Amino acid sequence: MLISLAVLLIPLIVIVASFQRSPDEPPVQTVDWQRTLATARGAADYPVLAPAGLPDTWKPVRAQWAAKGELLIGEQIAAGNTWIVGFISPEGVYLELLQSDAPQERVVADEVPDFRSEDTAKVSGEQWEQLLGPDGQRRALLHADDSSTVLITGDTSGEGLEAFASTLTTN
């Protein structure tokens, strides 16, 4: 009887143990965003912003330059000359910078249509509009000047977005 019980229990224990293990996190596929940034800076009619001084723990996972009318990732057509770069922070949060010479209203309508204005923030001497998504978790910072509209989005606090925005430079 003990042998029969062992024959049944041992495979059962092996099966349960194998399903209890959590799979390893898939590796993050990083991109060479510096090359795309160089392309954007060479082609854009506006000063292209990019983060500077981010530690290596920030993983670049998206970088794209699209001239007006070209396709962006996700089959969306660029309303203006558009530069996009996205990073995963050390905390696992995705943050994205989008800069375009499309009008501010068009960028908002295309990228964050259901967001509502929440407040303003001053980052590096510039006034930014804080936006909050309908889920109450996703946030955005918006800044526009005569040459471009800048939108930073992420599932993080307003302070987190402001800290990321403070790293942006045209150099």
N, C-alpha and C. Protein backbone atom coordinates (compact mmCIF):
# COMPACT_ATOMS: atom_id res chain seq x y z
N MET A 1 0.83 -1.18 0.00
CA MET A 1 0.00 0.00 0.00
C MET A 1 0.87 1.25 0.00
N LEU A 2 1.95 1.25 0.76
CA LEU A 2 2.85 2.40 0.78
C LEU A 2 3.51 2.61 -0.58
N ILE A 3 3.85 1.54 -1.24
CA ILE A 3 4.47 1.65 -2.56
C ILE A 3 3.47 2.25 -3.55
N SER A 4 2.24 1.81 -3.52
CA SER A 4 1.20 2.36 -4.40
C SER A 4 0.98 3.84 -4.13
N LEU A 5 0.97 4.20 -2.86
CA LEU A 5 0.80 5.61 -2.48
C LEU A 5 1.98 6.44 -2.98
N ALA A 6 3.19 5.92 -2.86
CA ALA A 6 4.39 6.63 -3.33
C ALA A 6 4.35 6.80 -4.84
N VAL A 7 3.91 5.77 -5.57
CA VAL A 7 3.82 5.84 -7.02
C VAL A 7 2.86 6.96 -7.45
N LEU A 8 1.81 7.18 -6.69
CA LEU A 8 0.85 8.23 -7.01
C LEU A 8 1.32 9.61 -6.53
N LEU A 9 1.89 9.67 -5.34
CA LEU A 9 2.24 10.96 -4.75
C LEU A 9 3.48 11.61 -5.38
N ILE A 10 4.48 10.83 -5.74
CA ILE A 10 5.72 11.41 -6.27
C ILE A 10 5.44 12.18 -7.58
N PRO A 11 4.77 11.62 -8.57
CA PRO A 11 4.49 12.42 -9.77
C PRO A 11 3.60 13.64 -9.47
N LEU A 12 2.67 13.46 -8.53
CA LEU A 12 1.80 14.56 -8.16
C LEU A 12 2.60 15.70 -7.54
N ILE A 13 3.55 15.40 -6.69
CA ILE A 13 4.40 16.41 -6.07
C ILE A 13 5.26 17.11 -7.13
N VAL A 14 5.79 16.36 -8.06
CA VAL A 14 6.61 16.95 -9.13
C VAL A 14 5.77 17.89 -9.98
N ILE A 15 4.57 17.49 -10.32
CA ILE A 15 3.70 18.33 -11.15
C ILE A 15 3.33 19.61 -10.40
N VAL A 16 2.92 19.50 -9.17
CA VAL A 16 2.54 20.68 -8.38
C VAL A 16 3.73 21.61 -8.21
N ALA A 17 4.90 21.08 -7.92
CA ALA A 17 6.09 21.90 -7.74
C ALA A 17 6.46 22.64 -9.03
N SER A 18 6.31 21.98 -10.17
CA SER A 18 6.67 22.64 -11.44
C SER A 18 5.71 23.78 -11.76
N PHE A 19 4.45 23.67 -11.37
CA PHE A 19 3.50 24.75 -11.63
C PHE A 19 3.59 25.87 -10.58
N GLN A 20 4.20 25.62 -9.46
CA GLN A 20 4.36 26.62 -8.42
C GLN A 20 5.49 27.60 -8.72
N ARG A 21 6.44 27.20 -9.54
CA ARG A 21 7.56 28.07 -9.89
C ARG A 21 7.05 29.20 -10.77
N SER A 22 7.43 30.40 -10.48
CA SER A 22 7.06 31.51 -11.35
C SER A 22 8.11 31.63 -12.44
N PRO A 23 7.67 31.89 -13.65
CA PRO A 23 8.62 31.97 -14.76
C PRO A 23 9.53 33.18 -14.59
N ASP A 24 10.71 33.07 -15.16
CA ASP A 24 11.63 34.19 -15.13
C ASP A 24 11.05 35.33 -15.96
N GLU A 25 11.39 36.57 -15.53
CA GLU A 25 10.97 37.73 -16.30
C GLU A 25 11.63 37.68 -17.67
N PRO A 26 10.86 37.92 -18.72
CA PRO A 26 11.50 37.95 -20.03
C PRO A 26 12.46 39.13 -20.10
N PRO A 27 13.56 38.98 -20.80
CA PRO A 27 14.51 40.08 -20.89
C PRO A 27 13.89 41.26 -21.64
N VAL A 28 14.21 42.45 -21.20
CA VAL A 28 13.72 43.65 -21.85
C VAL A 28 14.53 43.87 -23.12
N GLN A 29 13.85 44.04 -24.24
CA GLN A 29 14.50 44.30 -25.51
C GLN A 29 14.78 45.80 -25.61
N THR A 30 16.04 46.18 -25.52
CA THR A 30 16.39 47.58 -25.59
C THR A 30 16.66 47.99 -27.04
N VAL A 31 16.60 49.29 -27.28
CA VAL A 31 16.83 49.84 -28.62
C VAL A 31 17.96 50.86 -28.56
N ASP A 32 18.58 51.11 -29.71
CA ASP A 32 19.62 52.12 -29.82
C ASP A 32 18.94 53.46 -30.11
N TRP A 33 18.55 54.14 -29.07
CA TRP A 33 17.80 55.37 -29.24
C TRP A 33 18.68 56.55 -29.66
N GLN A 34 19.98 56.46 -29.42
CA GLN A 34 20.88 57.56 -29.77
C GLN A 34 20.94 57.76 -31.29
N ARG A 35 20.92 56.68 -32.06
CA ARG A 35 20.93 56.80 -33.52
C ARG A 35 19.66 57.47 -34.03
N THR A 36 18.54 57.07 -33.46
CA THR A 36 17.27 57.67 -33.86
C THR A 36 17.22 59.14 -33.45
N LEU A 37 17.77 59.44 -32.29
CA LEU A 37 17.85 60.84 -31.84
C LEU A 37 18.67 61.67 -32.81
N ALA A 38 19.80 61.15 -33.26
CA ALA A 38 20.64 61.87 -34.23
C ALA A 38 19.87 62.13 -35.52
N THR A 39 19.09 61.14 -35.97
CA THR A 39 18.26 61.32 -37.17
C THR A 39 17.23 62.42 -36.94
N ALA A 40 16.56 62.38 -35.79
CA ALA A 40 15.54 63.39 -35.48
C ALA A 40 16.15 64.78 -35.42
N ARG A 41 17.29 64.91 -34.77
CA ARG A 41 17.93 66.23 -34.65
C ARG A 41 18.40 66.75 -36.00
N GLY A 42 18.75 65.86 -36.90
CA GLY A 42 19.16 66.29 -38.23
C GLY A 42 18.00 66.66 -39.13
N ALA A 43 16.82 66.13 -38.86
CA ALA A 43 15.68 66.33 -39.74
C ALA A 43 14.64 67.32 -39.22
N ALA A 44 14.54 67.50 -37.92
CA ALA A 44 13.48 68.32 -37.33
C ALA A 44 13.76 69.81 -37.51
N ASP A 45 12.68 70.56 -37.64
CA ASP A 45 12.77 72.02 -37.71
C ASP A 45 12.64 72.65 -36.33
N TYR A 46 12.68 71.85 -35.29
CA TYR A 46 12.60 72.33 -33.92
C TYR A 46 13.74 71.72 -33.11
N PRO A 47 14.12 72.34 -31.99
CA PRO A 47 15.16 71.75 -31.15
C PRO A 47 14.63 70.47 -30.48
N VAL A 48 15.22 69.34 -30.80
CA VAL A 48 14.75 68.05 -30.31
C VAL A 48 15.26 67.80 -28.90
N LEU A 49 14.34 67.48 -28.01
CA LEU A 49 14.67 67.19 -26.62
C LEU A 49 14.94 65.70 -26.41
N ALA A 50 15.83 65.42 -25.48
CA ALA A 50 16.10 64.03 -25.10
C ALA A 50 16.63 64.04 -23.66
N PRO A 51 16.39 62.95 -22.92
CA PRO A 51 16.92 62.89 -21.56
C PRO A 51 18.44 62.76 -21.58
N ALA A 52 19.06 63.39 -20.61
CA ALA A 52 20.51 63.30 -20.47
C ALA A 52 20.82 62.88 -19.04
N GLY A 53 21.82 62.04 -18.90
CA GLY A 53 22.27 61.64 -17.57
C GLY A 53 21.44 60.58 -16.89
N LEU A 54 20.60 59.87 -17.64
CA LEU A 54 19.84 58.77 -17.02
C LEU A 54 20.81 57.63 -16.71
N PRO A 55 20.67 57.01 -15.53
CA PRO A 55 21.53 55.87 -15.23
C PRO A 55 21.25 54.69 -16.16
N ASP A 56 22.18 53.75 -16.21
CA ASP A 56 22.03 52.56 -17.05
C ASP A 56 20.85 51.69 -16.63
N THR A 57 20.30 51.92 -15.46
CA THR A 57 19.15 51.15 -14.99
C THR A 57 17.87 51.55 -15.72
N TRP A 58 17.89 52.66 -16.46
CA TRP A 58 16.78 53.06 -17.30
C TRP A 58 16.97 52.38 -18.66
N LYS A 59 16.02 51.58 -19.06
CA LYS A 59 16.14 50.79 -20.28
C LYS A 59 15.36 51.44 -21.43
N PRO A 60 16.05 51.85 -22.51
CA PRO A 60 15.34 52.40 -23.66
C PRO A 60 14.67 51.28 -24.45
N VAL A 61 13.36 51.37 -24.62
CA VAL A 61 12.61 50.30 -25.29
C VAL A 61 11.88 50.77 -26.54
N ARG A 62 11.87 52.08 -26.78
CA ARG A 62 11.22 52.59 -27.99
C ARG A 62 11.94 53.85 -28.43
N ALA A 63 12.19 53.97 -29.70
CA ALA A 63 12.73 55.19 -30.28
C ALA A 63 12.25 55.25 -31.72
N GLN A 64 11.65 56.39 -32.08
CA GLN A 64 11.13 56.51 -33.43
C GLN A 64 11.14 57.97 -33.86
N TRP A 65 11.49 58.17 -35.10
CA TRP A 65 11.35 59.46 -35.77
C TRP A 65 10.45 59.22 -36.97
N ALA A 66 9.43 60.06 -37.12
CA ALA A 66 8.54 59.96 -38.28
C ALA A 66 8.26 61.36 -38.80
N ALA A 67 8.49 61.56 -40.07
CA ALA A 67 8.13 62.82 -40.71
C ALA A 67 6.61 62.90 -40.84
N LYS A 68 6.10 64.10 -40.97
CA LYS A 68 4.67 64.31 -41.09
C LYS A 68 4.12 63.42 -42.21
N GLY A 69 3.04 62.68 -41.88
CA GLY A 69 2.40 61.80 -42.84
C GLY A 69 2.92 60.38 -42.85
N GLU A 70 4.06 60.12 -42.20
CA GLU A 70 4.59 58.76 -42.13
C GLU A 70 3.90 57.98 -41.02
N LEU A 71 4.03 56.65 -41.08
CA LEU A 71 3.42 55.80 -40.05
C LEU A 71 4.26 55.76 -38.80
N LEU A 72 3.58 55.86 -37.68
CA LEU A 72 4.21 55.63 -36.38
C LEU A 72 3.92 54.19 -35.97
N ILE A 73 4.58 53.73 -34.94
CA ILE A 73 4.28 52.40 -34.40
C ILE A 73 2.81 52.38 -33.99
N GLY A 74 2.10 51.36 -34.36
CA GLY A 74 0.68 51.26 -34.03
C GLY A 74 -0.23 51.74 -35.14
N GLU A 75 0.33 51.90 -36.35
CA GLU A 75 -0.44 52.27 -37.54
C GLU A 75 -1.05 53.67 -37.47
N GLN A 76 -0.56 54.51 -36.59
CA GLN A 76 -1.02 55.89 -36.51
C GLN A 76 -0.17 56.74 -37.46
N ILE A 77 -0.78 57.65 -38.14
CA ILE A 77 -0.05 58.53 -39.05
C ILE A 77 0.40 59.77 -38.29
N ALA A 78 1.66 60.13 -38.44
CA ALA A 78 2.22 61.28 -37.73
C ALA A 78 1.57 62.56 -38.23
N ALA A 79 0.99 63.33 -37.31
CA ALA A 79 0.33 64.59 -37.65
C ALA A 79 1.36 65.70 -37.89
N GLY A 80 2.57 65.47 -37.44
CA GLY A 80 3.67 66.41 -37.63
C GLY A 80 4.96 65.63 -37.57
N ASN A 81 6.07 66.31 -37.73
CA ASN A 81 7.37 65.66 -37.57
C ASN A 81 7.50 65.25 -36.11
N THR A 82 7.59 63.95 -35.85
CA THR A 82 7.41 63.43 -34.50
C THR A 82 8.59 62.59 -34.05
N TRP A 83 9.08 62.90 -32.86
CA TRP A 83 10.16 62.18 -32.19
C TRP A 83 9.56 61.53 -30.95
N ILE A 84 9.80 60.22 -30.78
CA ILE A 84 9.29 59.48 -29.62
C ILE A 84 10.42 58.64 -29.05
N VAL A 85 10.56 58.69 -27.72
CA VAL A 85 11.49 57.79 -27.04
C VAL A 85 10.82 57.32 -25.76
N GLY A 86 10.93 56.02 -25.48
CA GLY A 86 10.32 55.45 -24.29
C GLY A 86 11.33 54.64 -23.49
N PHE A 87 11.22 54.74 -22.18
CA PHE A 87 12.13 54.06 -21.26
C PHE A 87 11.34 53.30 -20.21
N ILE A 88 11.93 52.21 -19.73
CA ILE A 88 11.41 51.55 -18.54
C ILE A 88 12.33 51.95 -17.40
N SER A 89 11.73 52.52 -16.36
CA SER A 89 12.49 52.99 -15.21
C SER A 89 12.97 51.81 -14.37
N PRO A 90 13.88 52.05 -13.42
CA PRO A 90 14.31 50.96 -12.54
C PRO A 90 13.15 50.32 -11.75
N GLU A 91 12.06 51.08 -11.56
CA GLU A 91 10.89 50.55 -10.84
C GLU A 91 9.95 49.78 -11.77
N GLY A 92 10.30 49.68 -13.06
CA GLY A 92 9.48 48.95 -14.02
C GLY A 92 8.36 49.77 -14.63
N VAL A 93 8.45 51.10 -14.54
CA VAL A 93 7.42 51.99 -15.08
C VAL A 93 7.85 52.48 -16.46
N TYR A 94 6.93 52.42 -17.42
CA TYR A 94 7.21 52.92 -18.76
C TYR A 94 6.91 54.42 -18.81
N LEU A 95 7.90 55.20 -19.25
CA LEU A 95 7.73 56.64 -19.46
C LEU A 95 8.06 56.94 -20.92
N GLU A 96 7.26 57.80 -21.52
CA GLU A 96 7.45 58.11 -22.92
C GLU A 96 7.48 59.61 -23.14
N LEU A 97 8.44 60.03 -23.96
CA LEU A 97 8.55 61.42 -24.41
C LEU A 97 8.13 61.46 -25.87
N LEU A 98 7.18 62.32 -26.19
CA LEU A 98 6.78 62.55 -27.56
C LEU A 98 6.93 64.04 -27.82
N GLN A 99 7.58 64.38 -28.93
CA GLN A 99 7.74 65.77 -29.32
C GLN A 99 7.38 65.88 -30.79
N SER A 100 6.56 66.88 -31.11
CA SER A 100 6.08 67.02 -32.47
C SER A 100 5.84 68.49 -32.81
N ASP A 101 5.94 68.80 -34.09
CA ASP A 101 5.59 70.15 -34.51
C ASP A 101 4.12 70.25 -34.91
N ALA A 102 3.35 69.21 -34.64
CA ALA A 102 1.91 69.26 -34.82
C ALA A 102 1.32 70.20 -33.75
N PRO A 103 0.17 70.81 -34.03
CA PRO A 103 -0.44 71.68 -33.02
C PRO A 103 -0.74 70.93 -31.73
N GLN A 104 -0.67 71.64 -30.62
CA GLN A 104 -0.90 71.05 -29.31
C GLN A 104 -2.23 70.32 -29.25
N GLU A 105 -3.27 70.90 -29.80
CA GLU A 105 -4.61 70.28 -29.75
C GLU A 105 -4.60 68.93 -30.45
N ARG A 106 -3.88 68.82 -31.54
CA ARG A 106 -3.81 67.57 -32.29
C ARG A 106 -3.04 66.51 -31.51
N VAL A 107 -1.92 66.90 -30.89
CA VAL A 107 -1.12 65.95 -30.10
C VAL A 107 -1.97 65.41 -28.95
N VAL A 108 -2.67 66.29 -28.26
CA VAL A 108 -3.53 65.86 -27.14
C VAL A 108 -4.64 64.94 -27.65
N ALA A 109 -5.28 65.31 -28.75
CA ALA A 109 -6.37 64.50 -29.29
C ALA A 109 -5.89 63.12 -29.72
N ASP A 110 -4.68 63.05 -30.28
CA ASP A 110 -4.15 61.77 -30.75
C ASP A 110 -3.61 60.90 -29.62
N GLU A 111 -2.96 61.50 -28.64
CA GLU A 111 -2.21 60.74 -27.64
C GLU A 111 -2.92 60.58 -26.29
N VAL A 112 -3.59 61.60 -25.82
CA VAL A 112 -4.23 61.55 -24.49
C VAL A 112 -5.63 62.17 -24.54
N PRO A 113 -6.51 61.65 -25.41
CA PRO A 113 -7.80 62.30 -25.63
C PRO A 113 -8.72 62.35 -24.41
N ASP A 114 -8.62 61.37 -23.53
CA ASP A 114 -9.51 61.32 -22.38
C ASP A 114 -8.90 61.90 -21.11
N PHE A 115 -7.71 62.47 -21.22
CA PHE A 115 -7.06 63.05 -20.05
C PHE A 115 -7.69 64.41 -19.75
N ARG A 116 -7.64 64.79 -18.46
CA ARG A 116 -8.15 66.10 -18.08
C ARG A 116 -7.04 66.89 -17.40
N SER A 117 -7.12 68.18 -17.56
CA SER A 117 -6.13 69.06 -16.95
C SER A 117 -6.28 69.00 -15.43
N GLU A 118 -5.15 68.87 -14.73
CA GLU A 118 -5.19 68.74 -13.29
C GLU A 118 -4.55 69.93 -12.59
N ASP A 119 -3.42 70.39 -13.10
CA ASP A 119 -2.67 71.46 -12.44
C ASP A 119 -1.57 71.91 -13.39
N THR A 120 -0.69 72.76 -12.89
CA THR A 120 0.49 73.15 -13.66
C THR A 120 1.71 72.86 -12.80
N ALA A 121 2.85 72.77 -13.47
CA ALA A 121 4.12 72.53 -12.78
C ALA A 121 5.19 73.35 -13.48
N LYS A 122 6.15 73.78 -12.71
CA LYS A 122 7.29 74.50 -13.27
C LYS A 122 8.48 73.55 -13.27
N VAL A 123 9.01 73.27 -14.46
CA VAL A 123 10.13 72.35 -14.61
C VAL A 123 11.21 73.08 -15.40
N SER A 124 12.38 73.20 -14.81
CA SER A 124 13.52 73.87 -15.46
C SER A 124 13.12 75.25 -16.00
N GLY A 125 12.32 75.96 -15.22
CA GLY A 125 11.92 77.31 -15.57
C GLY A 125 10.78 77.42 -16.57
N GLU A 126 10.27 76.29 -17.05
CA GLU A 126 9.18 76.27 -18.03
C GLU A 126 7.89 75.81 -17.38
N GLN A 127 6.77 76.37 -17.84
CA GLN A 127 5.45 75.99 -17.34
C GLN A 127 4.94 74.77 -18.09
N TRP A 128 4.57 73.73 -17.38
CA TRP A 128 4.01 72.50 -17.95
C TRP A 128 2.61 72.30 -17.40
N GLU A 129 1.74 71.73 -18.21
CA GLU A 129 0.39 71.39 -17.77
C GLU A 129 0.39 69.93 -17.33
N GLN A 130 -0.16 69.67 -16.15
CA GLN A 130 -0.29 68.30 -15.65
C GLN A 130 -1.66 67.76 -16.06
N LEU A 131 -1.65 66.56 -16.63
CA LEU A 131 -2.88 65.91 -17.06
C LEU A 131 -3.04 64.58 -16.34
N LEU A 132 -4.27 64.19 -16.11
CA LEU A 132 -4.56 62.93 -15.43
C LEU A 132 -5.47 62.10 -16.31
N GLY A 133 -5.12 60.82 -16.46
CA GLY A 133 -5.91 59.90 -17.28
C GLY A 133 -7.20 59.50 -16.60
N PRO A 134 -8.13 58.93 -17.36
CA PRO A 134 -9.43 58.55 -16.80
C PRO A 134 -9.34 57.47 -15.73
N ASP A 135 -8.25 56.69 -15.75
CA ASP A 135 -8.08 55.64 -14.74
C ASP A 135 -7.53 56.19 -13.43
N GLY A 136 -7.14 57.47 -13.40
CA GLY A 136 -6.60 58.08 -12.20
C GLY A 136 -5.17 57.68 -11.90
N GLN A 137 -4.57 56.88 -12.76
CA GLN A 137 -3.21 56.40 -12.53
C GLN A 137 -2.23 56.94 -13.58
N ARG A 138 -2.62 56.92 -14.82
CA ARG A 138 -1.74 57.39 -15.89
C ARG A 138 -1.75 58.91 -15.90
N ARG A 139 -0.56 59.48 -16.00
CA ARG A 139 -0.41 60.93 -15.96
C ARG A 139 0.38 61.40 -17.18
N ALA A 140 0.30 62.71 -17.40
CA ALA A 140 1.06 63.30 -18.50
C ALA A 140 1.47 64.72 -18.12
N LEU A 141 2.56 65.14 -18.73
CA LEU A 141 3.00 66.53 -18.67
C LEU A 141 3.00 67.05 -20.09
N LEU A 142 2.51 68.27 -20.28
CA LEU A 142 2.37 68.85 -21.60
C LEU A 142 2.98 70.24 -21.60
N HIS A 143 3.80 70.49 -22.62
CA HIS A 143 4.41 71.81 -22.79
C HIS A 143 4.46 72.12 -24.28
N ALA A 144 4.05 73.33 -24.64
CA ALA A 144 4.10 73.74 -26.04
C ALA A 144 4.73 75.11 -26.14
N ASP A 145 5.51 75.30 -27.20
CA ASP A 145 6.04 76.62 -27.51
C ASP A 145 5.81 76.87 -28.99
N ASP A 146 6.46 77.87 -29.54
CA ASP A 146 6.22 78.22 -30.94
C ASP A 146 6.67 77.15 -31.93
N SER A 147 7.61 76.29 -31.51
CA SER A 147 8.17 75.33 -32.46
C SER A 147 7.67 73.90 -32.30
N SER A 148 7.27 73.50 -31.09
CA SER A 148 6.87 72.10 -30.89
C SER A 148 6.00 71.93 -29.65
N THR A 149 5.39 70.76 -29.61
CA THR A 149 4.62 70.32 -28.45
C THR A 149 5.34 69.12 -27.85
N VAL A 150 5.51 69.13 -26.53
CA VAL A 150 6.18 68.04 -25.83
C VAL A 150 5.17 67.40 -24.88
N LEU A 151 5.08 66.07 -24.93
CA LEU A 151 4.17 65.32 -24.08
C LEU A 151 4.95 64.18 -23.44
N ILE A 152 4.92 64.11 -22.12
CA ILE A 152 5.54 63.02 -21.38
C ILE A 152 4.42 62.27 -20.68
N THR A 153 4.37 60.95 -20.87
CA THR A 153 3.32 60.14 -20.24
C THR A 153 3.94 58.99 -19.45
N GLY A 154 3.19 58.52 -18.44
CA GLY A 154 3.63 57.37 -17.67
C GLY A 154 2.69 57.07 -16.52
N ASP A 155 2.77 55.85 -16.04
CA ASP A 155 2.00 55.42 -14.86
C ASP A 155 2.82 55.71 -13.62
N THR A 156 3.00 56.96 -13.33
CA THR A 156 3.81 57.37 -12.19
C THR A 156 3.23 58.64 -11.60
N SER A 157 3.83 59.11 -10.56
CA SER A 157 3.36 60.33 -9.91
C SER A 157 3.72 61.55 -10.76
N GLY A 158 3.08 62.67 -10.46
CA GLY A 158 3.44 63.91 -11.12
C GLY A 158 4.89 64.27 -10.86
N GLU A 159 5.36 63.98 -9.66
CA GLU A 159 6.76 64.27 -9.32
C GLU A 159 7.71 63.41 -10.16
N GLY A 160 7.32 62.17 -10.42
CA GLY A 160 8.14 61.30 -11.25
C GLY A 160 8.25 61.82 -12.67
N LEU A 161 7.14 62.30 -13.22
CA LEU A 161 7.16 62.88 -14.56
C LEU A 161 7.99 64.16 -14.58
N GLU A 162 7.85 64.98 -13.54
CA GLU A 162 8.62 66.21 -13.46
C GLU A 162 10.12 65.91 -13.37
N ALA A 163 10.49 64.90 -12.61
CA ALA A 163 11.90 64.53 -12.50
C ALA A 163 12.44 64.09 -13.86
N PHE A 164 11.65 63.32 -14.60
CA PHE A 164 12.07 62.91 -15.95
C PHE A 164 12.17 64.13 -16.86
N ALA A 165 11.19 65.02 -16.80
CA ALA A 165 11.21 66.22 -17.64
C ALA A 165 12.42 67.09 -17.35
N SER A 166 12.87 67.09 -16.10
CA SER A 166 14.02 67.92 -15.75
C SER A 166 15.33 67.42 -16.36
N THR A 167 15.33 66.19 -16.90
CA THR A 167 16.53 65.65 -17.54
C THR A 167 16.61 66.01 -19.02
N LEU A 168 15.56 66.61 -19.56
CA LEU A 168 15.51 66.86 -21.00
C LEU A 168 16.43 68.01 -21.40
N THR A 169 17.11 67.80 -22.51
CA THR A 169 18.01 68.81 -23.04
C THR A 169 18.06 68.71 -24.56
N THR A 170 18.50 69.76 -25.20
CA THR A 170 18.64 69.75 -26.65
C THR A 170 20.09 69.45 -27.05
N ASN A 171 20.95 69.21 -26.09
CA ASN A 171 22.37 68.93 -26.37
C ASN A 171 22.61 67.45 -26.51
